[in-house]
Amino acid sequence: TGSKGLNDNAKYAYNYFVKNGISPAAAAGIVGNLWHEGLANPSKSNPDAKGTTSLGIAQFNSRGELPAL
């Protein structure tokens, strides 16, 4: 229930978090944040004015988190 209108990525992420002990409410919050950042389109990229490009489901950026992954 509650997954109507979500794409497969969101459903998968939600179910993964719940199966691994995250409460349904917390899982929904995490997925909601990831959805805003790019879960709907994992190939999404967002350049900014500083010359940094953020990529992927959590929009890691090329000068910060992304190189460490």
PDB file of N, CA and C in Angstrom:
ATOM      1  N   THR A   1       0.837  -1.190   0.000  1.00  0.00           N
ATOM      2  CA  THR A   1       0.000   0.000   0.000  1.00  0.00           C
ATOM      3  C   THR A   1       0.874   1.243   0.000  1.00  0.00           C
ATOM      4  N   GLY A   2       0.343   2.305  -0.534  1.00  0.00           N
ATOM      5  CA  GLY A   2       1.075   3.557  -0.524  1.00  0.00           C
ATOM      6  C   GLY A   2       2.102   3.710  -1.619  1.00  0.00           C
ATOM      7  N   SER A   3       2.293   2.685  -2.437  1.00  0.00           N
ATOM      8  CA  SER A   3       3.324   2.755  -3.472  1.00  0.00           C
ATOM      9  C   SER A   3       2.759   3.114  -4.841  1.00  0.00           C
ATOM     10  N   LYS A   4       1.476   3.418  -4.895  1.00  0.00           N
ATOM     11  CA  LYS A   4       0.837   3.766  -6.163  1.00  0.00           C
ATOM     12  C   LYS A   4       1.507   5.010  -6.737  1.00  0.00           C
ATOM     13  N   GLY A   5       1.878   4.971  -8.003  1.00  0.00           N
ATOM     14  CA  GLY A   5       2.496   6.123  -8.647  1.00  0.00           C
ATOM     15  C   GLY A   5       4.008   6.166  -8.541  1.00  0.00           C
ATOM     16  N   LEU A   6       4.600   5.263  -7.774  1.00  0.00           N
ATOM     17  CA  LEU A   6       6.058   5.233  -7.656  1.00  0.00           C
ATOM     18  C   LEU A   6       6.652   4.366  -8.756  1.00  0.00           C
ATOM     19  N   ASN A   7       7.825   4.725  -9.209  1.00  0.00           N
ATOM     20  CA  ASN A   7       8.468   3.885 -10.220  1.00  0.00           C
ATOM     21  C   ASN A   7       9.165   2.702  -9.544  1.00  0.00           C
ATOM     22  N   ASP A   8       9.714   1.802 -10.345  1.00  0.00           N
ATOM     23  CA  ASP A   8      10.347   0.600  -9.807  1.00  0.00           C
ATOM     24  C   ASP A   8      11.530   0.917  -8.906  1.00  0.00           C
ATOM     25  N   ASN A   9      12.299   1.970  -9.213  1.00  0.00           N
ATOM     26  CA  ASN A   9      13.439   2.339  -8.368  1.00  0.00           C
ATOM     27  C   ASN A   9      12.975   2.705  -6.966  1.00  0.00           C
ATOM     28  N   ALA A  10      11.929   3.491  -6.865  1.00  0.00           N
ATOM     29  CA  ALA A  10      11.418   3.914  -5.563  1.00  0.00           C
ATOM     30  C   ALA A  10      10.862   2.725  -4.783  1.00  0.00           C
ATOM     31  N   LYS A  11      10.124   1.860  -5.464  1.00  0.00           N
ATOM     32  CA  LYS A  11       9.569   0.677  -4.803  1.00  0.00           C
ATOM     33  C   LYS A  11      10.695  -0.237  -4.297  1.00  0.00           C
ATOM     34  N   TYR A  12      11.701  -0.435  -5.137  1.00  0.00           N
ATOM     35  CA  TYR A  12      12.826  -1.279  -4.755  1.00  0.00           C
ATOM     36  C   TYR A  12      13.534  -0.696  -3.529  1.00  0.00           C
ATOM     37  N   ALA A  13      13.815   0.599  -3.567  1.00  0.00           N
ATOM     38  CA  ALA A  13      14.525   1.244  -2.452  1.00  0.00           C
ATOM     39  C   ALA A  13      13.701   1.150  -1.171  1.00  0.00           C
ATOM     40  N   TYR A  14      12.424   1.462  -1.246  1.00  0.00           N
ATOM     41  CA  TYR A  14      11.553   1.402  -0.077  1.00  0.00           C
ATOM     42  C   TYR A  14      11.554  -0.003   0.517  1.00  0.00           C
ATOM     43  N   ASN A  15      11.327  -1.002  -0.325  1.00  0.00           N
ATOM     44  CA  ASN A  15      11.299  -2.387   0.156  1.00  0.00           C
ATOM     45  C   ASN A  15      12.640  -2.812   0.734  1.00  0.00           C
ATOM     46  N   TYR A  16      13.732  -2.379   0.128  1.00  0.00           N
ATOM     47  CA  TYR A  16      15.066  -2.704   0.634  1.00  0.00           C
ATOM     48  C   TYR A  16      15.247  -2.158   2.049  1.00  0.00           C
ATOM     49  N   PHE A  17      14.902  -0.904   2.246  1.00  0.00           N
ATOM     50  CA  PHE A  17      15.074  -0.300   3.574  1.00  0.00           C
ATOM     51  C   PHE A  17      14.211  -0.993   4.616  1.00  0.00           C
ATOM     52  N   VAL A  18      12.949  -1.261   4.291  1.00  0.00           N
ATOM     53  CA  VAL A  18      12.047  -1.914   5.243  1.00  0.00           C
ATOM     54  C   VAL A  18      12.542  -3.323   5.570  1.00  0.00           C
ATOM     55  N   LYS A  19      12.966  -4.084   4.557  1.00  0.00           N
ATOM     56  CA  LYS A  19      13.469  -5.443   4.792  1.00  0.00           C
ATOM     57  C   LYS A  19      14.727  -5.454   5.643  1.00  0.00           C
ATOM     58  N   ASN A  20      15.442  -4.330   5.678  1.00  0.00           N
ATOM     59  CA  ASN A  20      16.677  -4.243   6.454  1.00  0.00           C
ATOM     60  C   ASN A  20      16.500  -3.486   7.762  1.00  0.00           C
ATOM     61  N   GLY A  21      15.252  -3.434   8.250  1.00  0.00           N
ATOM     62  CA  GLY A  21      14.987  -2.942   9.591  1.00  0.00           C
ATOM     63  C   GLY A  21      14.615  -1.483   9.733  1.00  0.00           C
ATOM     64  N   ILE A  22      14.527  -0.751   8.642  1.00  0.00           N
ATOM     65  CA  ILE A  22      14.114   0.645   8.720  1.00  0.00           C
ATOM     66  C   ILE A  22      12.589   0.676   8.807  1.00  0.00           C
ATOM     67  N   SER A  23      12.043   1.522   9.671  1.00  0.00           N
ATOM     68  CA  SER A  23      10.588   1.596   9.783  1.00  0.00           C
ATOM     69  C   SER A  23       9.983   2.089   8.468  1.00  0.00           C
ATOM     70  N   PRO A  24       8.734   1.702   8.193  1.00  0.00           N
ATOM     71  CA  PRO A  24       8.098   2.180   6.962  1.00  0.00           C
ATOM     72  C   PRO A  24       8.091   3.708   6.839  1.00  0.00           C
ATOM     73  N   ALA A  25       7.863   4.411   7.945  1.00  0.00           N
ATOM     74  CA  ALA A  25       7.850   5.882   7.891  1.00  0.00           C
ATOM     75  C   ALA A  25       9.229   6.429   7.547  1.00  0.00           C
ATOM     76  N   ALA A  26      10.270   5.873   8.173  1.00  0.00           N
ATOM     77  CA  ALA A  26      11.627   6.328   7.882  1.00  0.00           C
ATOM     78  C   ALA A  26      12.029   5.976   6.453  1.00  0.00           C
ATOM     79  N   ALA A  27      11.649   4.782   6.004  1.00  0.00           N
ATOM     80  CA  ALA A  27      11.956   4.368   4.627  1.00  0.00           C
ATOM     81  C   ALA A  27      11.283   5.305   3.635  1.00  0.00           C
ATOM     82  N   ALA A  28      10.051   5.687   3.920  1.00  0.00           N
ATOM     83  CA  ALA A  28       9.343   6.623   3.040  1.00  0.00           C
ATOM     84  C   ALA A  28      10.059   7.970   3.007  1.00  0.00           C
ATOM     85  N   GLY A  29      10.567   8.420   4.141  1.00  0.00           N
ATOM     86  CA  GLY A  29      11.310   9.679   4.184  1.00  0.00           C
ATOM     87  C   GLY A  29      12.598   9.615   3.387  1.00  0.00           C
ATOM     88  N   ILE A  30      13.321   8.521   3.529  1.00  0.00           N
ATOM     89  CA  ILE A  30      14.569   8.348   2.779  1.00  0.00           C
ATOM     90  C   ILE A  30      14.284   8.322   1.286  1.00  0.00           C
ATOM     91  N   VAL A  31      13.289   7.532   0.893  1.00  0.00           N
ATOM     92  CA  VAL A  31      12.947   7.427  -0.527  1.00  0.00           C
ATOM     93  C   VAL A  31      12.447   8.769  -1.054  1.00  0.00           C
ATOM     94  N   GLY A  32      11.690   9.495  -0.253  1.00  0.00           N
ATOM     95  CA  GLY A  32      11.226  10.819  -0.671  1.00  0.00           C
ATOM     96  C   GLY A  32      12.382  11.760  -0.949  1.00  0.00           C
ATOM     97  N   ASN A  33      13.379  11.737  -0.087  1.00  0.00           N
ATOM     98  CA  ASN A  33      14.558  12.580  -0.295  1.00  0.00           C
ATOM     99  C   ASN A  33      15.322  12.123  -1.527  1.00  0.00           C
ATOM    100  N   LEU A  34      15.547  10.817  -1.661  1.00  0.00           N
ATOM    101  CA  LEU A  34      16.232  10.309  -2.843  1.00  0.00           C
ATOM    102  C   LEU A  34      15.458  10.616  -4.117  1.00  0.00           C
ATOM    103  N   TRP A  35      14.132  10.564  -4.052  1.00  0.00           N
ATOM    104  CA  TRP A  35      13.303  10.873  -5.215  1.00  0.00           C
ATOM    105  C   TRP A  35      13.563  12.316  -5.658  1.00  0.00           C
ATOM    106  N   HIS A  36      13.588  13.197  -4.700  1.00  0.00           N
ATOM    107  CA  HIS A  36      13.850  14.613  -4.999  1.00  0.00           C
ATOM    108  C   HIS A  36      15.231  14.796  -5.622  1.00  0.00           C
ATOM    109  N   GLU A  37      16.199  14.028  -5.152  1.00  0.00           N
ATOM    110  CA  GLU A  37      17.568  14.162  -5.629  1.00  0.00           C
ATOM    111  C   GLU A  37      17.824  13.502  -6.972  1.00  0.00           C
ATOM    112  N   GLY A  38      17.042  12.499  -7.342  1.00  0.00           N
ATOM    113  CA  GLY A  38      17.285  11.875  -8.639  1.00  0.00           C
ATOM    114  C   GLY A  38      16.935  10.407  -8.753  1.00  0.00           C
ATOM    115  N   LEU A  39      16.287   9.833  -7.747  1.00  0.00           N
ATOM    116  CA  LEU A  39      15.931   8.412  -7.808  1.00  0.00           C
ATOM    117  C   LEU A  39      15.030   8.114  -9.007  1.00  0.00           C
ATOM    118  N   ALA A  40      14.211   9.069  -9.390  1.00  0.00           N
ATOM    119  CA  ALA A  40      13.318   8.857 -10.530  1.00  0.00           C
ATOM    120  C   ALA A  40      14.095   8.699 -11.827  1.00  0.00           C
ATOM    121  N   ASN A  41      15.273   9.293 -11.879  1.00  0.00           N
ATOM    122  CA  ASN A  41      16.098   9.254 -13.087  1.00  0.00           C
ATOM    123  C   ASN A  41      17.568   9.173 -12.678  1.00  0.00           C
ATOM    124  N   PRO A  42      18.094   7.954 -12.436  1.00  0.00           N
ATOM    125  CA  PRO A  42      19.470   7.797 -11.958  1.00  0.00           C
ATOM    126  C   PRO A  42      20.542   8.369 -12.886  1.00  0.00           C
ATOM    127  N   SER A  43      20.213   8.589 -14.143  1.00  0.00           N
ATOM    128  CA  SER A  43      21.219   9.158 -15.052  1.00  0.00           C
ATOM    129  C   SER A  43      21.169  10.683 -15.075  1.00  0.00           C
ATOM    130  N   LYS A  44      20.339  11.265 -14.228  1.00  0.00           N
ATOM    131  CA  LYS A  44      20.194  12.718 -14.136  1.00  0.00           C
ATOM    132  C   LYS A  44      21.514  13.362 -13.698  1.00  0.00           C
ATOM    133  N   SER A  45      21.864  14.466 -14.309  1.00  0.00           N
ATOM    134  CA  SER A  45      23.023  15.240 -13.870  1.00  0.00           C
ATOM    135  C   SER A  45      22.620  16.697 -13.790  1.00  0.00           C
ATOM    136  N   ASN A  46      23.174  17.393 -12.813  1.00  0.00           N
ATOM    137  CA  ASN A  46      22.853  18.795 -12.587  1.00  0.00           C
ATOM    138  C   ASN A  46      24.128  19.611 -12.418  1.00  0.00           C
ATOM    139  N   PRO A  47      24.495  20.381 -13.436  1.00  0.00           N
ATOM    140  CA  PRO A  47      25.642  21.267 -13.284  1.00  0.00           C
ATOM    141  C   PRO A  47      25.256  22.487 -12.448  1.00  0.00           C
ATOM    142  N   ASP A  48      26.232  23.057 -11.765  1.00  0.00           N
ATOM    143  CA  ASP A  48      25.951  24.287 -11.027  1.00  0.00           C
ATOM    144  C   ASP A  48      26.890  25.402 -11.483  1.00  0.00           C
ATOM    145  N   ALA A  49      26.728  26.563 -10.924  1.00  0.00           N
ATOM    146  CA  ALA A  49      27.499  27.740 -11.340  1.00  0.00           C
ATOM    147  C   ALA A  49      28.983  27.632 -10.983  1.00  0.00           C
ATOM    148  N   LYS A  50      29.345  26.734 -10.084  1.00  0.00           N
ATOM    149  CA  LYS A  50      30.738  26.581  -9.656  1.00  0.00           C
ATOM    150  C   LYS A  50      31.510  25.583 -10.510  1.00  0.00           C
ATOM    151  N   GLY A  51      30.860  25.028 -11.531  1.00  0.00           N
ATOM    152  CA  GLY A  51      31.525  24.060 -12.386  1.00  0.00           C
ATOM    153  C   GLY A  51      31.470  22.642 -11.866  1.00  0.00           C
ATOM    154  N   THR A  52      30.642  22.405 -10.873  1.00  0.00           N
ATOM    155  CA  THR A  52      30.470  21.074 -10.301  1.00  0.00           C
ATOM    156  C   THR A  52      29.242  20.435 -10.920  1.00  0.00           C
ATOM    157  N   THR A  53      29.323  19.154 -11.207  1.00  0.00           N
ATOM    158  CA  THR A  53      28.171  18.413 -11.705  1.00  0.00           C
ATOM    159  C   THR A  53      27.785  17.364 -10.685  1.00  0.00           C
ATOM    160  N   SER A  54      26.522  17.342 -10.313  1.00  0.00           N
ATOM    161  CA  SER A  54      26.016  16.336  -9.388  1.00  0.00           C
ATOM    162  C   SER A  54      25.340  15.239 -10.193  1.00  0.00           C
ATOM    163  N   LEU A  55      25.577  13.981  -9.778  1.00  0.00           N
ATOM    164  CA  LEU A  55      25.133  12.820 -10.550  1.00  0.00           C
ATOM    165  C   LEU A  55      24.438  11.782  -9.690  1.00  0.00           C
ATOM    166  N   GLY A  56      23.569  10.997 -10.297  1.00  0.00           N
ATOM    167  CA  GLY A  56      23.031   9.793  -9.679  1.00  0.00           C
ATOM    168  C   GLY A  56      21.840  10.003  -8.768  1.00  0.00           C
ATOM    169  N   ILE A  57      21.469   8.926  -8.073  1.00  0.00           N
ATOM    170  CA  ILE A  57      20.245   8.947  -7.271  1.00  0.00           C
ATOM    171  C   ILE A  57      20.322   9.865  -6.067  1.00  0.00           C
ATOM    172  N   ALA A  58      21.502  10.158  -5.578  1.00  0.00           N
ATOM    173  CA  ALA A  58      21.625  11.066  -4.438  1.00  0.00           C
ATOM    174  C   ALA A  58      22.341  12.354  -4.835  1.00  0.00           C
ATOM    175  N   GLN A  59      22.571  12.536  -6.128  1.00  0.00           N
ATOM    176  CA  GLN A  59      23.185  13.742  -6.668  1.00  0.00           C
ATOM    177  C   GLN A  59      24.523  14.066  -5.997  1.00  0.00           C
ATOM    178  N   PHE A  60      25.382  13.036  -5.906  1.00  0.00           N
ATOM    179  CA  PHE A  60      26.743  13.262  -5.443  1.00  0.00           C
ATOM    180  C   PHE A  60      27.441  14.165  -6.449  1.00  0.00           C
ATOM    181  N   ASN A  61      28.334  15.014  -5.956  1.00  0.00           N
ATOM    182  CA  ASN A  61      28.967  15.935  -6.902  1.00  0.00           C
ATOM    183  C   ASN A  61      30.396  15.556  -7.221  1.00  0.00           C
ATOM    184  N   SER A  62      30.846  16.029  -8.364  1.00  0.00           N
ATOM    185  CA  SER A  62      32.134  15.617  -8.910  1.00  0.00           C
ATOM    186  C   SER A  62      33.332  16.178  -8.149  1.00  0.00           C
ATOM    187  N   ARG A  63      33.125  17.142  -7.282  1.00  0.00           N
ATOM    188  CA  ARG A  63      34.244  17.688  -6.499  1.00  0.00           C
ATOM    189  C   ARG A  63      34.200  17.261  -5.042  1.00  0.00           C
ATOM    190  N   GLY A  64      33.158  16.569  -4.664  1.00  0.00           N
ATOM    191  CA  GLY A  64      33.019  16.185  -3.267  1.00  0.00           C
ATOM    192  C   GLY A  64      32.920  14.691  -3.106  1.00  0.00           C
ATOM    193  N   GLU A  65      31.709  14.206  -2.970  1.00  0.00           N
ATOM    194  CA  GLU A  65      31.472  12.807  -2.626  1.00  0.00           C
ATOM    195  C   GLU A  65      31.741  11.840  -3.764  1.00  0.00           C
ATOM    196  N   LEU A  66      31.448  12.220  -4.996  1.00  0.00           N
ATOM    197  CA  LEU A  66      31.499  11.282  -6.121  1.00  0.00           C
ATOM    198  C   LEU A  66      32.865  10.637  -6.327  1.00  0.00           C
ATOM    199  N   PRO A  67      33.983  11.369  -6.295  1.00  0.00           N
ATOM    200  CA  PRO A  67      35.270  10.700  -6.525  1.00  0.00           C
ATOM    201  C   PRO A  67      35.604   9.608  -5.496  1.00  0.00           C
ATOM    202  N   ALA A  68      35.070   9.746  -4.293  1.00  0.00           N
ATOM    203  CA  ALA A  68      35.352   8.771  -3.245  1.00  0.00           C
ATOM    204  C   ALA A  68      34.541   7.490  -3.397  1.00  0.00           C
ATOM    205  N   LEU A  69      33.510   7.503  -4.228  1.00  0.00           N
ATOM    206  CA  LEU A  69      32.660   6.309  -4.348  1.00  0.00           C
ATOM    207  C   LEU A  69      33.285   5.249  -5.191  1.00  0.00           C
TER     208      LEU A  69
END
